[in-house]
Amino acid sequence: MNVFFVLQDRYGVLKCYTPMDNGCILSGVTRETIIDLRDQIKKDTGMVVEEKMLSIHEIMQAHAENRLVEVIGASTASHIQTINKIVYKDYTINLDTNKDSFYVSYLSNLITDIMVGADTHSWVTPLSL
């Protein structure tokens, strides 16, 4: 499963970070789809999708400063999921997944619409049967 961290940077810009593919992570189709759709995502939500190495300390700091908005898991098998807990050593981040997970819903709907053809994305090729 790939992970995406939605947070506001220190300048108030909404960012969606996923670790860079340096050979140590699964280069998943859903992850690549989200990266490929970065222009559409920014247009629709204002959120900037970037590949960036984030340390656990940066994530913990963003959470402590109330800048960590959502943490998203993405994979071909499970599609787009909310991550509700991060544990590092004796530090636990519990994320409120009972609230509206706007970006999880947005990404899930965006990709599903492309898959089922409700979207006119260039990836969709109609077939004559």
N, C-alpha and C. Protein backbone atom coordinates (compact mmCIF):
# COMPACT_ATOMS: atom_id res chain seq x y z
N MET A 1 0.85 -1.17 0.00
CA MET A 1 0.00 0.00 0.00
C MET A 1 0.89 1.23 0.00
N ASN A 2 0.52 2.21 -0.79
CA ASN A 2 1.23 3.49 -0.83
C ASN A 2 0.53 4.46 0.11
N VAL A 3 1.28 5.46 0.55
CA VAL A 3 0.74 6.42 1.51
C VAL A 3 0.86 7.84 0.95
N PHE A 4 -0.14 8.64 1.27
CA PHE A 4 -0.17 10.06 0.91
C PHE A 4 -0.49 10.84 2.18
N PHE A 5 0.25 11.91 2.42
CA PHE A 5 0.02 12.77 3.57
C PHE A 5 -0.51 14.10 3.06
N VAL A 6 -1.74 14.42 3.44
CA VAL A 6 -2.34 15.71 3.08
C VAL A 6 -2.11 16.64 4.25
N LEU A 7 -1.37 17.72 3.99
CA LEU A 7 -1.11 18.68 5.07
C LEU A 7 -0.95 20.07 4.50
N GLN A 8 -1.10 21.03 5.37
CA GLN A 8 -0.83 22.40 4.98
C GLN A 8 0.62 22.68 5.32
N ASP A 9 1.34 23.27 4.34
CA ASP A 9 2.72 23.62 4.66
C ASP A 9 2.70 24.88 5.53
N ARG A 10 3.84 25.33 5.92
CA ARG A 10 3.93 26.47 6.85
C ARG A 10 3.46 27.78 6.24
N TYR A 11 3.23 27.77 4.92
CA TYR A 11 2.74 28.98 4.24
C TYR A 11 1.25 28.88 3.94
N GLY A 12 0.61 27.80 4.41
CA GLY A 12 -0.83 27.63 4.23
C GLY A 12 -1.22 26.94 2.94
N VAL A 13 -0.23 26.47 2.16
CA VAL A 13 -0.52 25.79 0.90
C VAL A 13 -0.85 24.33 1.20
N LEU A 14 -1.96 23.85 0.66
CA LEU A 14 -2.37 22.47 0.86
C LEU A 14 -1.54 21.57 -0.05
N LYS A 15 -0.86 20.61 0.56
CA LYS A 15 0.02 19.70 -0.18
C LYS A 15 -0.39 18.27 0.08
N CYS A 16 -0.17 17.44 -0.90
CA CYS A 16 -0.37 16.00 -0.77
C CYS A 16 0.95 15.36 -1.14
N TYR A 17 1.66 14.85 -0.13
CA TYR A 17 2.98 14.28 -0.33
C TYR A 17 2.92 12.77 -0.34
N THR A 18 3.66 12.18 -1.24
CA THR A 18 3.88 10.75 -1.24
C THR A 18 5.38 10.54 -1.41
N PRO A 19 5.95 9.52 -0.76
CA PRO A 19 7.39 9.33 -0.87
C PRO A 19 7.83 9.10 -2.32
N MET A 20 9.02 9.57 -2.63
CA MET A 20 9.59 9.37 -3.96
C MET A 20 9.85 7.88 -4.18
N ASP A 21 9.72 7.46 -5.43
CA ASP A 21 9.98 6.07 -5.78
C ASP A 21 11.48 5.91 -6.01
N ASN A 22 12.16 5.51 -4.96
CA ASN A 22 13.61 5.31 -5.05
C ASN A 22 13.97 3.83 -5.01
N GLY A 23 12.99 3.00 -5.34
CA GLY A 23 13.22 1.57 -5.34
C GLY A 23 12.87 0.88 -4.04
N CYS A 24 12.54 1.65 -3.01
CA CYS A 24 12.23 1.08 -1.70
C CYS A 24 10.73 1.02 -1.43
N ILE A 25 9.92 1.57 -2.33
CA ILE A 25 8.48 1.52 -2.14
C ILE A 25 7.85 0.80 -3.32
N LEU A 26 6.63 0.34 -3.14
CA LEU A 26 5.87 -0.27 -4.21
C LEU A 26 5.46 0.82 -5.20
N SER A 27 5.80 0.63 -6.44
CA SER A 27 5.41 1.59 -7.47
C SER A 27 4.03 1.20 -7.97
N GLY A 28 3.01 1.55 -7.19
CA GLY A 28 1.66 1.10 -7.46
C GLY A 28 0.95 1.89 -8.54
N VAL A 29 -0.01 1.23 -9.18
CA VAL A 29 -0.80 1.85 -10.24
C VAL A 29 -1.65 2.98 -9.69
N THR A 30 -2.26 2.78 -8.54
CA THR A 30 -3.11 3.83 -7.95
C THR A 30 -2.26 5.03 -7.57
N ARG A 31 -1.08 4.79 -7.02
CA ARG A 31 -0.16 5.88 -6.68
C ARG A 31 0.21 6.66 -7.93
N GLU A 32 0.60 5.96 -8.98
CA GLU A 32 0.98 6.62 -10.23
C GLU A 32 -0.20 7.38 -10.84
N THR A 33 -1.39 6.84 -10.70
CA THR A 33 -2.59 7.52 -11.22
C THR A 33 -2.79 8.86 -10.52
N ILE A 34 -2.66 8.86 -9.20
CA ILE A 34 -2.82 10.11 -8.45
C ILE A 34 -1.75 11.12 -8.87
N ILE A 35 -0.52 10.66 -9.03
CA ILE A 35 0.56 11.56 -9.47
C ILE A 35 0.27 12.09 -10.88
N ASP A 36 -0.17 11.21 -11.77
CA ASP A 36 -0.48 11.63 -13.15
C ASP A 36 -1.63 12.63 -13.20
N LEU A 37 -2.54 12.56 -12.23
CA LEU A 37 -3.70 13.44 -12.20
C LEU A 37 -3.45 14.72 -11.41
N ARG A 38 -2.20 15.00 -11.07
CA ARG A 38 -1.88 16.14 -10.20
C ARG A 38 -2.43 17.46 -10.71
N ASP A 39 -2.42 17.70 -12.02
CA ASP A 39 -2.95 18.96 -12.56
C ASP A 39 -4.46 19.06 -12.34
N GLN A 40 -5.18 17.96 -12.57
CA GLN A 40 -6.62 17.94 -12.35
C GLN A 40 -6.94 18.13 -10.86
N ILE A 41 -6.17 17.49 -10.00
CA ILE A 41 -6.38 17.59 -8.56
C ILE A 41 -6.17 19.02 -8.09
N LYS A 42 -5.12 19.67 -8.59
CA LYS A 42 -4.86 21.06 -8.20
C LYS A 42 -5.98 21.97 -8.70
N LYS A 43 -6.43 21.73 -9.92
CA LYS A 43 -7.51 22.56 -10.48
C LYS A 43 -8.80 22.41 -9.66
N ASP A 44 -9.11 21.18 -9.28
CA ASP A 44 -10.37 20.90 -8.57
C ASP A 44 -10.33 21.31 -7.10
N THR A 45 -9.18 21.11 -6.43
CA THR A 45 -9.13 21.26 -4.97
C THR A 45 -8.14 22.30 -4.47
N GLY A 46 -7.22 22.71 -5.34
CA GLY A 46 -6.15 23.61 -4.91
C GLY A 46 -4.99 22.87 -4.25
N MET A 47 -5.10 21.56 -4.12
CA MET A 47 -4.08 20.75 -3.46
C MET A 47 -2.97 20.40 -4.45
N VAL A 48 -1.74 20.59 -4.02
CA VAL A 48 -0.56 20.30 -4.83
C VAL A 48 -0.05 18.90 -4.48
N VAL A 49 0.01 18.02 -5.48
CA VAL A 49 0.51 16.66 -5.28
C VAL A 49 2.00 16.65 -5.62
N GLU A 50 2.81 16.15 -4.68
CA GLU A 50 4.26 16.12 -4.88
C GLU A 50 4.84 14.82 -4.37
N GLU A 51 5.88 14.35 -5.04
CA GLU A 51 6.69 13.27 -4.51
C GLU A 51 7.79 13.91 -3.67
N LYS A 52 7.85 13.54 -2.42
CA LYS A 52 8.83 14.14 -1.51
C LYS A 52 9.09 13.19 -0.36
N MET A 53 10.33 13.10 0.02
CA MET A 53 10.67 12.31 1.19
C MET A 53 10.27 13.12 2.43
N LEU A 54 9.46 12.52 3.27
CA LEU A 54 9.05 13.13 4.54
C LEU A 54 9.57 12.27 5.67
N SER A 55 10.13 12.89 6.66
CA SER A 55 10.54 12.11 7.83
C SER A 55 9.34 11.96 8.77
N ILE A 56 9.40 10.97 9.60
CA ILE A 56 8.35 10.79 10.60
C ILE A 56 8.28 12.01 11.52
N HIS A 57 9.41 12.66 11.72
CA HIS A 57 9.44 13.85 12.58
C HIS A 57 8.69 15.01 11.94
N GLU A 58 8.75 15.14 10.62
CA GLU A 58 7.98 16.18 9.92
C GLU A 58 6.48 15.91 10.04
N ILE A 59 6.10 14.65 9.96
CA ILE A 59 4.69 14.27 10.09
C ILE A 59 4.22 14.53 11.51
N MET A 60 5.02 14.15 12.48
CA MET A 60 4.66 14.39 13.88
C MET A 60 4.53 15.89 14.16
N GLN A 61 5.44 16.69 13.61
CA GLN A 61 5.39 18.14 13.81
C GLN A 61 4.15 18.74 13.16
N ALA A 62 3.84 18.29 11.94
CA ALA A 62 2.63 18.79 11.26
C ALA A 62 1.38 18.44 12.07
N HIS A 63 1.36 17.25 12.65
CA HIS A 63 0.22 16.86 13.49
C HIS A 63 0.14 17.73 14.73
N ALA A 64 1.28 17.96 15.39
CA ALA A 64 1.31 18.78 16.61
C ALA A 64 0.86 20.22 16.33
N GLU A 65 1.11 20.69 15.11
CA GLU A 65 0.72 22.05 14.72
C GLU A 65 -0.64 22.10 14.02
N ASN A 66 -1.39 20.99 14.07
CA ASN A 66 -2.71 20.89 13.44
C ASN A 66 -2.67 21.18 11.94
N ARG A 67 -1.58 20.80 11.29
CA ARG A 67 -1.47 20.98 9.84
C ARG A 67 -1.66 19.68 9.08
N LEU A 68 -1.70 18.54 9.79
CA LEU A 68 -1.91 17.25 9.15
C LEU A 68 -3.41 17.07 8.95
N VAL A 69 -3.84 17.08 7.71
CA VAL A 69 -5.26 17.07 7.38
C VAL A 69 -5.80 15.65 7.26
N GLU A 70 -5.16 14.84 6.43
CA GLU A 70 -5.57 13.45 6.23
C GLU A 70 -4.35 12.62 5.88
N VAL A 71 -4.43 11.33 6.16
CA VAL A 71 -3.43 10.38 5.70
C VAL A 71 -4.19 9.32 4.91
N ILE A 72 -3.71 9.07 3.71
CA ILE A 72 -4.44 8.24 2.75
C ILE A 72 -3.58 7.06 2.34
N GLY A 73 -4.19 5.89 2.32
CA GLY A 73 -3.55 4.69 1.78
C GLY A 73 -4.14 4.41 0.41
N ALA A 74 -3.30 4.00 -0.52
CA ALA A 74 -3.77 3.73 -1.87
C ALA A 74 -3.12 2.46 -2.41
N SER A 75 -3.94 1.60 -2.97
CA SER A 75 -3.42 0.40 -3.62
C SER A 75 -4.45 -0.09 -4.63
N THR A 76 -4.00 -0.93 -5.53
CA THR A 76 -4.90 -1.49 -6.53
C THR A 76 -5.96 -2.34 -5.85
N ALA A 77 -5.56 -3.12 -4.85
CA ALA A 77 -6.50 -4.03 -4.19
C ALA A 77 -7.52 -3.32 -3.31
N SER A 78 -7.08 -2.29 -2.59
CA SER A 78 -8.00 -1.64 -1.65
C SER A 78 -8.44 -0.26 -2.10
N HIS A 79 -7.95 0.19 -3.26
CA HIS A 79 -8.30 1.49 -3.82
C HIS A 79 -7.79 2.61 -2.92
N ILE A 80 -8.66 3.51 -2.46
CA ILE A 80 -8.27 4.66 -1.63
C ILE A 80 -8.89 4.47 -0.24
N GLN A 81 -8.06 4.51 0.79
CA GLN A 81 -8.54 4.28 2.15
C GLN A 81 -8.00 5.35 3.09
N THR A 82 -8.76 5.63 4.12
CA THR A 82 -8.31 6.52 5.18
C THR A 82 -7.41 5.74 6.14
N ILE A 83 -6.30 6.34 6.52
CA ILE A 83 -5.44 5.77 7.56
C ILE A 83 -5.76 6.51 8.85
N ASN A 84 -6.08 5.76 9.91
CA ASN A 84 -6.55 6.41 11.13
C ASN A 84 -5.52 6.44 12.26
N LYS A 85 -4.36 5.78 12.06
CA LYS A 85 -3.39 5.78 13.15
C LYS A 85 -1.98 5.62 12.59
N ILE A 86 -1.07 6.39 13.16
CA ILE A 86 0.36 6.25 12.86
C ILE A 86 1.06 6.04 14.20
N VAL A 87 1.87 5.00 14.28
CA VAL A 87 2.60 4.71 15.51
C VAL A 87 4.09 4.72 15.18
N TYR A 88 4.83 5.49 15.96
CA TYR A 88 6.28 5.53 15.83
C TYR A 88 6.88 5.48 17.23
N LYS A 89 7.59 4.40 17.51
CA LYS A 89 8.15 4.17 18.85
C LYS A 89 7.04 4.31 19.89
N ASP A 90 7.14 5.26 20.82
CA ASP A 90 6.10 5.40 21.84
C ASP A 90 5.15 6.56 21.52
N TYR A 91 5.18 7.06 20.29
CA TYR A 91 4.34 8.19 19.88
C TYR A 91 3.26 7.68 18.94
N THR A 92 2.01 8.01 19.26
CA THR A 92 0.88 7.60 18.44
C THR A 92 0.11 8.82 17.96
N ILE A 93 -0.15 8.84 16.68
CA ILE A 93 -1.01 9.87 16.09
C ILE A 93 -2.33 9.19 15.75
N ASN A 94 -3.39 9.61 16.44
CA ASN A 94 -4.74 9.13 16.13
C ASN A 94 -5.40 10.19 15.27
N LEU A 95 -5.86 9.77 14.10
CA LEU A 95 -6.49 10.70 13.17
C LEU A 95 -8.00 10.51 13.22
N ASP A 96 -8.72 11.60 13.21
CA ASP A 96 -10.17 11.57 13.29
C ASP A 96 -10.75 11.17 11.94
N THR A 97 -11.06 9.87 11.80
CA THR A 97 -11.63 9.40 10.54
C THR A 97 -13.16 9.41 10.57
N ASN A 98 -13.73 9.86 11.68
CA ASN A 98 -15.19 10.00 11.75
C ASN A 98 -15.67 11.26 11.06
N LYS A 99 -14.75 12.21 10.89
CA LYS A 99 -15.11 13.45 10.19
C LYS A 99 -15.14 13.17 8.69
N ASP A 100 -15.60 14.12 7.93
CA ASP A 100 -15.63 13.99 6.48
C ASP A 100 -14.20 13.93 5.95
N SER A 101 -13.85 12.82 5.37
CA SER A 101 -12.52 12.67 4.77
C SER A 101 -12.62 13.14 3.32
N PHE A 102 -12.62 14.44 3.14
CA PHE A 102 -12.89 15.05 1.84
C PHE A 102 -11.94 14.55 0.76
N TYR A 103 -10.65 14.51 1.05
CA TYR A 103 -9.68 14.17 0.02
C TYR A 103 -9.69 12.69 -0.32
N VAL A 104 -9.98 11.83 0.66
CA VAL A 104 -10.16 10.41 0.38
C VAL A 104 -11.35 10.24 -0.57
N SER A 105 -12.46 10.88 -0.25
CA SER A 105 -13.65 10.79 -1.10
C SER A 105 -13.39 11.36 -2.48
N TYR A 106 -12.74 12.52 -2.53
CA TYR A 106 -12.46 13.16 -3.81
C TYR A 106 -11.60 12.25 -4.70
N LEU A 107 -10.48 11.75 -4.16
CA LEU A 107 -9.59 10.90 -4.97
C LEU A 107 -10.28 9.61 -5.39
N SER A 108 -11.02 9.01 -4.49
CA SER A 108 -11.75 7.79 -4.82
C SER A 108 -12.73 8.02 -5.95
N ASN A 109 -13.51 9.09 -5.85
CA ASN A 109 -14.49 9.40 -6.90
C ASN A 109 -13.81 9.75 -8.22
N LEU A 110 -12.72 10.51 -8.17
CA LEU A 110 -12.01 10.89 -9.38
C LEU A 110 -11.53 9.65 -10.13
N ILE A 111 -10.90 8.73 -9.43
CA ILE A 111 -10.36 7.54 -10.08
C ILE A 111 -11.48 6.59 -10.51
N THR A 112 -12.50 6.43 -9.69
CA THR A 112 -13.62 5.56 -10.05
C THR A 112 -14.34 6.08 -11.29
N ASP A 113 -14.53 7.39 -11.38
CA ASP A 113 -15.18 7.96 -12.56
C ASP A 113 -14.39 7.66 -13.83
N ILE A 114 -13.08 7.71 -13.75
CA ILE A 114 -12.26 7.37 -14.91
C ILE A 114 -12.39 5.88 -15.24
N MET A 115 -12.38 5.03 -14.21
CA MET A 115 -12.44 3.58 -14.43
C MET A 115 -13.75 3.14 -15.05
N VAL A 116 -14.86 3.72 -14.62
CA VAL A 116 -16.16 3.26 -15.12
C VAL A 116 -16.65 4.07 -16.31
N GLY A 117 -15.88 5.06 -16.71
CA GLY A 117 -16.20 5.78 -17.93
C GLY A 117 -17.10 6.98 -17.78
N ALA A 118 -17.44 7.35 -16.55
CA ALA A 118 -18.25 8.56 -16.36
C ALA A 118 -17.44 9.81 -16.67
N ASP A 119 -16.15 9.65 -16.74
CA ASP A 119 -15.24 10.76 -17.02
C ASP A 119 -14.79 10.66 -18.48
N THR A 120 -14.44 11.78 -19.07
CA THR A 120 -13.98 11.79 -20.46
C THR A 120 -12.46 11.89 -20.53
N HIS A 121 -11.79 11.39 -19.52
CA HIS A 121 -10.32 11.43 -19.47
C HIS A 121 -9.73 10.71 -20.68
N SER A 122 -8.59 11.15 -21.13
CA SER A 122 -7.95 10.56 -22.30
C SER A 122 -7.56 9.11 -22.11
N TRP A 123 -7.54 8.62 -20.86
CA TRP A 123 -7.22 7.22 -20.61
C TRP A 123 -8.38 6.29 -21.00
N VAL A 124 -9.58 6.85 -21.06
CA VAL A 124 -10.77 6.05 -21.32
C VAL A 124 -10.92 5.89 -22.83
N THR A 125 -10.98 4.65 -23.28
CA THR A 125 -11.16 4.37 -24.70
C THR A 125 -12.44 3.56 -24.87
N PRO A 126 -13.48 4.18 -25.47
CA PRO A 126 -14.73 3.46 -25.70
C PRO A 126 -14.52 2.30 -26.68
N LEU A 127 -15.17 1.20 -26.41
CA LEU A 127 -15.08 0.02 -27.28
C LEU A 127 -16.41 -0.20 -27.95
N SER A 128 -16.39 -0.58 -29.21
CA SER A 128 -17.62 -0.95 -29.91
C SER A 128 -17.80 -2.44 -29.76
N LEU A 129 -18.95 -2.82 -29.28
CA LEU A 129 -19.21 -4.26 -29.08
C LEU A 129 -20.15 -4.78 -30.12
